[in-house]
Amino acid sequence: MPPSTARIDRARKTRIYARESVAYFWVLDPLARTLETYRLADGRWVLMATYEGDGVIHAEPFDALPLTMRRWWLEPDV
C-alpha cells in the first residue's frame, strides 16, 4: 500500500474505528502478501494474527469460513 494510505489507515482510521467501537480491522498488504488482523480490547487494538502467502486461513471475526489469501493478490490461480 502506498505510504500515504498506510499512514491514514494505521493512524487516523484506527483511532476513529476505536472511538466508534468497531470490533475488528484488517490490514491487507498485497505487495508483501500479508494480512494483519486486529481486535479492539479495552479501547486498544490487539494484533490477533499475521498471515502470509497464498494459503487458506481462518481469521477473526470470520474464522468459521475458510478464506483463500491468493484471491487478494490479483494473480490468476495456478
PDB file of N, CA and C in Angstrom:
ATOM      1  N   MET A   1       0.847  -1.168   0.000  1.00  0.00           N
ATOM      2  CA  MET A   1       0.000   0.000   0.000  1.00  0.00           C
ATOM      3  C   MET A   1       0.891   1.228   0.000  1.00  0.00           C
ATOM      4  N   PRO A   2       0.489   2.265  -0.699  1.00  0.00           N
ATOM      5  CA  PRO A   2       1.305   3.481  -0.732  1.00  0.00           C
ATOM      6  C   PRO A   2       1.492   4.043   0.678  1.00  0.00           C
ATOM      7  N   PRO A   3       2.623   4.665   0.943  1.00  0.00           N
ATOM      8  CA  PRO A   3       2.881   5.187   2.294  1.00  0.00           C
ATOM      9  C   PRO A   3       1.774   6.103   2.824  1.00  0.00           C
ATOM     10  N   SER A   4       1.225   6.965   1.982  1.00  0.00           N
ATOM     11  CA  SER A   4       0.188   7.878   2.457  1.00  0.00           C
ATOM     12  C   SER A   4      -1.059   7.114   2.894  1.00  0.00           C
ATOM     13  N   THR A   5      -1.444   6.090   2.150  1.00  0.00           N
ATOM     14  CA  THR A   5      -2.599   5.281   2.522  1.00  0.00           C
ATOM     15  C   THR A   5      -2.313   4.508   3.805  1.00  0.00           C
ATOM     16  N   ALA A   6      -1.148   3.941   3.920  1.00  0.00           N
ATOM     17  CA  ALA A   6      -0.788   3.190   5.126  1.00  0.00           C
ATOM     18  C   ALA A   6      -0.831   4.093   6.354  1.00  0.00           C
ATOM     19  N   ARG A   7      -0.328   5.290   6.223  1.00  0.00           N
ATOM     20  CA  ARG A   7      -0.316   6.229   7.347  1.00  0.00           C
ATOM     21  C   ARG A   7      -1.746   6.553   7.773  1.00  0.00           C
ATOM     22  N   ILE A   8      -2.604   6.817   6.819  1.00  0.00           N
ATOM     23  CA  ILE A   8      -4.006   7.137   7.133  1.00  0.00           C
ATOM     24  C   ILE A   8      -4.704   5.927   7.746  1.00  0.00           C
ATOM     25  N   ASP A   9      -4.514   4.746   7.146  1.00  0.00           N
ATOM     26  CA  ASP A   9      -5.175   3.533   7.627  1.00  0.00           C
ATOM     27  C   ASP A   9      -4.727   3.168   9.035  1.00  0.00           C
ATOM     28  N   ARG A  10      -3.442   3.264   9.304  1.00  0.00           N
ATOM     29  CA  ARG A  10      -2.911   2.807  10.585  1.00  0.00           C
ATOM     30  C   ARG A  10      -2.979   3.861  11.684  1.00  0.00           C
ATOM     31  N   ALA A  11      -3.133   5.099  11.346  1.00  0.00           N
ATOM     32  CA  ALA A  11      -3.171   6.135  12.375  1.00  0.00           C
ATOM     33  C   ALA A  11      -4.566   6.732  12.499  1.00  0.00           C
ATOM     34  N   ARG A  12      -4.955   7.469  11.517  1.00  0.00           N
ATOM     35  CA  ARG A  12      -6.219   8.202  11.599  1.00  0.00           C
ATOM     36  C   ARG A  12      -7.436   7.270  11.691  1.00  0.00           C
ATOM     37  N   LYS A  13      -7.513   6.330  10.766  1.00  0.00           N
ATOM     38  CA  LYS A  13      -8.703   5.467  10.724  1.00  0.00           C
ATOM     39  C   LYS A  13      -8.820   4.591  11.968  1.00  0.00           C
ATOM     40  N   THR A  14      -7.710   4.066  12.461  1.00  0.00           N
ATOM     41  CA  THR A  14      -7.793   3.185  13.631  1.00  0.00           C
ATOM     42  C   THR A  14      -8.318   3.925  14.857  1.00  0.00           C
ATOM     43  N   ARG A  15      -7.954   5.199  15.003  1.00  0.00           N
ATOM     44  CA  ARG A  15      -8.496   5.991  16.119  1.00  0.00           C
ATOM     45  C   ARG A  15     -10.006   6.169  15.975  1.00  0.00           C
ATOM     46  N   ILE A  16     -10.449   6.432  14.756  1.00  0.00           N
ATOM     47  CA  ILE A  16     -11.887   6.588  14.510  1.00  0.00           C
ATOM     48  C   ILE A  16     -12.613   5.274  14.771  1.00  0.00           C
ATOM     49  N   TYR A  17     -12.072   4.184  14.268  1.00  0.00           N
ATOM     50  CA  TYR A  17     -12.694   2.874  14.480  1.00  0.00           C
ATOM     51  C   TYR A  17     -12.810   2.558  15.976  1.00  0.00           C
ATOM     52  N   ALA A  18     -11.751   2.823  16.730  1.00  0.00           N
ATOM     53  CA  ALA A  18     -11.784   2.560  18.175  1.00  0.00           C
ATOM     54  C   ALA A  18     -12.830   3.441  18.855  1.00  0.00           C
ATOM     55  N   ARG A  19     -12.868   4.702  18.496  1.00  0.00           N
ATOM     56  CA  ARG A  19     -13.843   5.636  19.080  1.00  0.00           C
ATOM     57  C   ARG A  19     -15.271   5.171  18.818  1.00  0.00           C
ATOM     58  N   GLU A  20     -15.509   4.606  17.640  1.00  0.00           N
ATOM     59  CA  GLU A  20     -16.846   4.153  17.255  1.00  0.00           C
ATOM     60  C   GLU A  20     -17.108   2.696  17.645  1.00  0.00           C
ATOM     61  N   SER A  21     -16.190   2.085  18.375  1.00  0.00           N
ATOM     62  CA  SER A  21     -16.310   0.706  18.882  1.00  0.00           C
ATOM     63  C   SER A  21     -16.409  -0.340  17.783  1.00  0.00           C
ATOM     64  N   VAL A  22     -15.712  -0.120  16.680  1.00  0.00           N
ATOM     65  CA  VAL A  22     -15.599  -1.151  15.648  1.00  0.00           C
ATOM     66  C   VAL A  22     -14.749  -2.268  16.254  1.00  0.00           C
ATOM     67  N   ALA A  23     -15.238  -3.474  16.233  1.00  0.00           N
ATOM     68  CA  ALA A  23     -14.592  -4.566  16.969  1.00  0.00           C
ATOM     69  C   ALA A  23     -13.319  -5.094  16.319  1.00  0.00           C
ATOM     70  N   TYR A  24     -13.232  -5.055  14.985  1.00  0.00           N
ATOM     71  CA  TYR A  24     -12.092  -5.633  14.274  1.00  0.00           C
ATOM     72  C   TYR A  24     -11.664  -4.730  13.134  1.00  0.00           C
ATOM     73  N   PHE A  25     -10.397  -4.831  12.767  1.00  0.00           N
ATOM     74  CA  PHE A  25      -9.950  -4.284  11.486  1.00  0.00           C
ATOM     75  C   PHE A  25      -8.804  -5.129  10.966  1.00  0.00           C
ATOM     76  N   TRP A  26      -8.697  -5.131   9.662  1.00  0.00           N
ATOM     77  CA  TRP A  26      -7.657  -5.891   8.973  1.00  0.00           C
ATOM     78  C   TRP A  26      -6.800  -4.940   8.163  1.00  0.00           C
ATOM     79  N   VAL A  27      -5.513  -5.262   8.072  1.00  0.00           N
ATOM     80  CA  VAL A  27      -4.604  -4.533   7.188  1.00  0.00           C
ATOM     81  C   VAL A  27      -4.064  -5.544   6.183  1.00  0.00           C
ATOM     82  N   LEU A  28      -4.455  -5.372   4.947  1.00  0.00           N
ATOM     83  CA  LEU A  28      -4.039  -6.257   3.868  1.00  0.00           C
ATOM     84  C   LEU A  28      -2.977  -5.548   3.032  1.00  0.00           C
ATOM     85  N   ASP A  29      -1.824  -6.177   2.869  1.00  0.00           N
ATOM     86  CA  ASP A  29      -0.739  -5.598   2.068  1.00  0.00           C
ATOM     87  C   ASP A  29      -0.458  -6.535   0.902  1.00  0.00           C
ATOM     88  N   PRO A  30      -1.002  -6.232  -0.281  1.00  0.00           N
ATOM     89  CA  PRO A  30      -0.831  -7.134  -1.418  1.00  0.00           C
ATOM     90  C   PRO A  30       0.603  -7.211  -1.927  1.00  0.00           C
ATOM     91  N   LEU A  31       1.408  -6.171  -1.721  1.00  0.00           N
ATOM     92  CA  LEU A  31       2.810  -6.227  -2.160  1.00  0.00           C
ATOM     93  C   LEU A  31       3.615  -7.184  -1.284  1.00  0.00           C
ATOM     94  N   ALA A  32       3.398  -7.116   0.012  1.00  0.00           N
ATOM     95  CA  ALA A  32       4.097  -8.022   0.941  1.00  0.00           C
ATOM     96  C   ALA A  32       3.380  -9.360   1.077  1.00  0.00           C
ATOM     97  N   ARG A  33       2.159  -9.440   0.520  1.00  0.00           N
ATOM     98  CA  ARG A  33       1.315 -10.638   0.639  1.00  0.00           C
ATOM     99  C   ARG A  33       1.088 -11.018   2.096  1.00  0.00           C
ATOM    100  N   THR A  34       0.677 -10.023   2.868  1.00  0.00           N
ATOM    101  CA  THR A  34       0.403 -10.263   4.284  1.00  0.00           C
ATOM    102  C   THR A  34      -0.961  -9.704   4.670  1.00  0.00           C
ATOM    103  N   LEU A  35      -1.510 -10.282   5.707  1.00  0.00           N
ATOM    104  CA  LEU A  35      -2.738  -9.816   6.316  1.00  0.00           C
ATOM    105  C   LEU A  35      -2.507  -9.761   7.813  1.00  0.00           C
ATOM    106  N   GLU A  36      -2.777  -8.612   8.419  1.00  0.00           N
ATOM    107  CA  GLU A  36      -2.735  -8.465   9.870  1.00  0.00           C
ATOM    108  C   GLU A  36      -4.167  -8.270  10.347  1.00  0.00           C
ATOM    109  N   THR A  37      -4.558  -8.995  11.389  1.00  0.00           N
ATOM    110  CA  THR A  37      -5.904  -8.858  11.936  1.00  0.00           C
ATOM    111  C   THR A  37      -5.802  -8.320  13.357  1.00  0.00           C
ATOM    112  N   TYR A  38      -6.650  -7.336  13.656  1.00  0.00           N
ATOM    113  CA  TYR A  38      -6.665  -6.676  14.960  1.00  0.00           C
ATOM    114  C   TYR A  38      -8.057  -6.757  15.552  1.00  0.00           C
ATOM    115  N   ARG A  39      -8.087  -6.778  16.897  1.00  0.00           N
ATOM    116  CA  ARG A  39      -9.349  -6.773  17.631  1.00  0.00           C
ATOM    117  C   ARG A  39      -9.277  -5.672  18.684  1.00  0.00           C
ATOM    118  N   LEU A  40     -10.387  -4.983  18.896  1.00  0.00           N
ATOM    119  CA  LEU A  40     -10.453  -3.927  19.901  1.00  0.00           C
ATOM    120  C   LEU A  40     -10.684  -4.552  21.267  1.00  0.00           C
ATOM    121  N   ALA A  41      -9.813  -4.246  22.219  1.00  0.00           N
ATOM    122  CA  ALA A  41      -9.933  -4.759  23.585  1.00  0.00           C
ATOM    123  C   ALA A  41      -9.622  -3.619  24.556  1.00  0.00           C
ATOM    124  N   ASP A  42     -10.592  -3.252  25.357  1.00  0.00           N
ATOM    125  CA  ASP A  42     -10.428  -2.165  26.329  1.00  0.00           C
ATOM    126  C   ASP A  42      -9.924  -0.882  25.675  1.00  0.00           C
ATOM    127  N   GLY A  43     -10.457  -0.571  24.491  1.00  0.00           N
ATOM    128  CA  GLY A  43     -10.107   0.657  23.804  1.00  0.00           C
ATOM    129  C   GLY A  43      -8.780   0.649  23.084  1.00  0.00           C
ATOM    130  N   ARG A  44      -8.115  -0.500  23.056  1.00  0.00           N
ATOM    131  CA  ARG A  44      -6.811  -0.618  22.380  1.00  0.00           C
ATOM    132  C   ARG A  44      -6.872  -1.723  21.338  1.00  0.00           C
ATOM    133  N   TRP A  45      -6.100  -1.520  20.273  1.00  0.00           N
ATOM    134  CA  TRP A  45      -6.025  -2.536  19.221  1.00  0.00           C
ATOM    135  C   TRP A  45      -5.009  -3.604  19.593  1.00  0.00           C
ATOM    136  N   VAL A  46      -5.442  -4.859  19.513  1.00  0.00           N
ATOM    137  CA  VAL A  46      -4.590  -6.008  19.819  1.00  0.00           C
ATOM    138  C   VAL A  46      -4.385  -6.787  18.517  1.00  0.00           C
ATOM    139  N   LEU A  47      -3.117  -7.008  18.160  1.00  0.00           N
ATOM    140  CA  LEU A  47      -2.815  -7.814  16.984  1.00  0.00           C
ATOM    141  C   LEU A  47      -3.177  -9.260  17.290  1.00  0.00           C
ATOM    142  N   MET A  48      -4.112  -9.797  16.505  1.00  0.00           N
ATOM    143  CA  MET A  48      -4.548 -11.174  16.709  1.00  0.00           C
ATOM    144  C   MET A  48      -3.666 -12.153  15.943  1.00  0.00           C
ATOM    145  N   ALA A  49      -3.355 -11.805  14.678  1.00  0.00           N
ATOM    146  CA  ALA A  49      -2.560 -12.718  13.857  1.00  0.00           C
ATOM    147  C   ALA A  49      -1.994 -11.973  12.659  1.00  0.00           C
ATOM    148  N   THR A  50      -0.897 -12.518  12.148  1.00  0.00           N
ATOM    149  CA  THR A  50      -0.327 -12.073  10.882  1.00  0.00           C
ATOM    150  C   THR A  50      -0.236 -13.292   9.987  1.00  0.00           C
ATOM    151  N   TYR A  51      -0.842 -13.197   8.809  1.00  0.00           N
ATOM    152  CA  TYR A  51      -0.846 -14.291   7.844  1.00  0.00           C
ATOM    153  C   TYR A  51      -0.019 -13.875   6.642  1.00  0.00           C
ATOM    154  N   GLU A  52       0.560 -14.873   5.963  1.00  0.00           N
ATOM    155  CA  GLU A  52       1.342 -14.593   4.764  1.00  0.00           C
ATOM    156  C   GLU A  52       1.117 -15.681   3.740  1.00  0.00           C
ATOM    157  N   GLY A  53       1.420 -15.346   2.493  1.00  0.00           N
ATOM    158  CA  GLY A  53       1.393 -16.343   1.438  1.00  0.00           C
ATOM    159  C   GLY A  53       0.058 -16.497   0.747  1.00  0.00           C
ATOM    160  N   ASP A  54      -0.168 -17.704   0.240  1.00  0.00           N
ATOM    161  CA  ASP A  54      -1.323 -17.992  -0.607  1.00  0.00           C
ATOM    162  C   ASP A  54      -2.332 -18.935   0.031  1.00  0.00           C
ATOM    163  N   GLY A  55      -2.085 -19.368   1.238  1.00  0.00           N
ATOM    164  CA  GLY A  55      -2.880 -20.433   1.829  1.00  0.00           C
ATOM    165  C   GLY A  55      -4.271 -20.056   2.274  1.00  0.00           C
ATOM    166  N   VAL A  56      -4.950 -21.043   2.823  1.00  0.00           N
ATOM    167  CA  VAL A  56      -6.283 -20.879   3.381  1.00  0.00           C
ATOM    168  C   VAL A  56      -6.125 -20.515   4.854  1.00  0.00           C
ATOM    169  N   ILE A  57      -6.882 -19.486   5.281  1.00  0.00           N
ATOM    170  CA  ILE A  57      -6.806 -19.034   6.669  1.00  0.00           C
ATOM    171  C   ILE A  57      -8.205 -19.021   7.273  1.00  0.00           C
ATOM    172  N   HIS A  58      -8.242 -18.927   8.592  1.00  0.00           N
ATOM    173  CA  HIS A  58      -9.477 -18.757   9.363  1.00  0.00           C
ATOM    174  C   HIS A  58      -9.217 -17.574  10.288  1.00  0.00           C
ATOM    175  N   ALA A  59      -9.612 -16.373   9.857  1.00  0.00           N
ATOM    176  CA  ALA A  59      -9.274 -15.146  10.564  1.00  0.00           C
ATOM    177  C   ALA A  59     -10.503 -14.529  11.222  1.00  0.00           C
ATOM    178  N   GLU A  60     -10.349 -14.122  12.489  1.00  0.00           N
ATOM    179  CA  GLU A  60     -11.430 -13.438  13.201  1.00  0.00           C
ATOM    180  C   GLU A  60     -11.833 -12.170  12.464  1.00  0.00           C
ATOM    181  N   PRO A  61     -13.077 -11.837  12.430  1.00  0.00           N
ATOM    182  CA  PRO A  61     -14.228 -12.499  13.033  1.00  0.00           C
ATOM    183  C   PRO A  61     -14.911 -13.490  12.100  1.00  0.00           C
ATOM    184  N   PHE A  62     -14.244 -13.829  11.008  1.00  0.00           N
ATOM    185  CA  PHE A  62     -14.812 -14.757  10.020  1.00  0.00           C
ATOM    186  C   PHE A  62     -14.155 -16.130  10.113  1.00  0.00           C
ATOM    187  N   ASP A  63     -13.694 -16.505  11.303  1.00  0.00           N
ATOM    188  CA  ASP A  63     -12.918 -17.728  11.451  1.00  0.00           C
ATOM    189  C   ASP A  63     -13.706 -19.002  11.155  1.00  0.00           C
ATOM    190  N   ALA A  64     -15.027 -18.925  11.072  1.00  0.00           N
ATOM    191  CA  ALA A  64     -15.818 -20.100  10.692  1.00  0.00           C
ATOM    192  C   ALA A  64     -15.726 -20.386   9.195  1.00  0.00           C
ATOM    193  N   LEU A  65     -15.238 -19.395   8.435  1.00  0.00           N
ATOM    194  CA  LEU A  65     -15.142 -19.541   6.983  1.00  0.00           C
ATOM    195  C   LEU A  65     -13.696 -19.673   6.535  1.00  0.00           C
ATOM    196  N   PRO A  66     -13.404 -20.629   5.660  1.00  0.00           N
ATOM    197  CA  PRO A  66     -12.058 -20.691   5.094  1.00  0.00           C
ATOM    198  C   PRO A  66     -11.894 -19.583   4.042  1.00  0.00           C
ATOM    199  N   LEU A  67     -10.847 -18.799   4.182  1.00  0.00           N
ATOM    200  CA  LEU A  67     -10.555 -17.723   3.227  1.00  0.00           C
ATOM    201  C   LEU A  67      -9.234 -18.025   2.537  1.00  0.00           C
ATOM    202  N   THR A  68      -9.238 -17.974   1.218  1.00  0.00           N
ATOM    203  CA  THR A  68      -8.011 -18.224   0.453  1.00  0.00           C
ATOM    204  C   THR A  68      -7.323 -16.897   0.179  1.00  0.00           C
ATOM    205  N   MET A  69      -6.137 -16.726   0.729  1.00  0.00           N
ATOM    206  CA  MET A  69      -5.428 -15.463   0.590  1.00  0.00           C
ATOM    207  C   MET A  69      -5.030 -15.160  -0.850  1.00  0.00           C
ATOM    208  N   ARG A  70      -4.792 -16.178  -1.640  1.00  0.00           N
ATOM    209  CA  ARG A  70      -4.367 -15.991  -3.032  1.00  0.00           C
ATOM    210  C   ARG A  70      -5.312 -15.061  -3.791  1.00  0.00           C
ATOM    211  N   ARG A  71      -6.590 -15.082  -3.451  1.00  0.00           N
ATOM    212  CA  ARG A  71      -7.568 -14.268  -4.179  1.00  0.00           C
ATOM    213  C   ARG A  71      -7.301 -12.775  -4.051  1.00  0.00           C
ATOM    214  N   TRP A  72      -6.572 -12.356  -3.018  1.00  0.00           N
ATOM    215  CA  TRP A  72      -6.291 -10.931  -2.804  1.00  0.00           C
ATOM    216  C   TRP A  72      -5.054 -10.441  -3.543  1.00  0.00           C
ATOM    217  N   TRP A  73      -4.271 -11.327  -4.110  1.00  0.00           N
ATOM    218  CA  TRP A  73      -3.008 -10.918  -4.715  1.00  0.00           C
ATOM    219  C   TRP A  73      -3.131 -10.582  -6.204  1.00  0.00           C
ATOM    220  N   LEU A  74      -4.330 -10.651  -6.733  1.00  0.00           N
ATOM    221  CA  LEU A  74      -4.605 -10.245  -8.127  1.00  0.00           C
ATOM    222  C   LEU A  74      -3.779 -10.999  -9.136  1.00  0.00           C
ATOM    223  N   GLU A  75      -3.553 -12.275  -8.880  1.00  0.00           N
ATOM    224  CA  GLU A  75      -2.861 -13.147  -9.812  1.00  0.00           C
ATOM    225  C   GLU A  75      -3.787 -14.299 -10.161  1.00  0.00           C
ATOM    226  N   PRO A  76      -3.677 -14.819 -11.366  1.00  0.00           N
ATOM    227  CA  PRO A  76      -4.538 -15.961 -11.727  1.00  0.00           C
ATOM    228  C   PRO A  76      -4.188 -17.195 -10.891  1.00  0.00           C
ATOM    229  N   ASP A  77      -5.209 -18.000 -10.621  1.00  0.00           N
ATOM    230  CA  ASP A  77      -4.973 -19.259  -9.922  1.00  0.00           C
ATOM    231  C   ASP A  77      -4.098 -20.160 -10.768  1.00  0.00           C
ATOM    232  N   VAL A  78      -3.253 -20.918 -10.105  1.00  0.00           N
ATOM    233  CA  VAL A  78      -2.340 -21.822 -10.801  1.00  0.00           C
ATOM    234  C   VAL A  78      -2.997 -23.169 -10.961  1.00  0.00           C
TER     235      VAL A  78
END
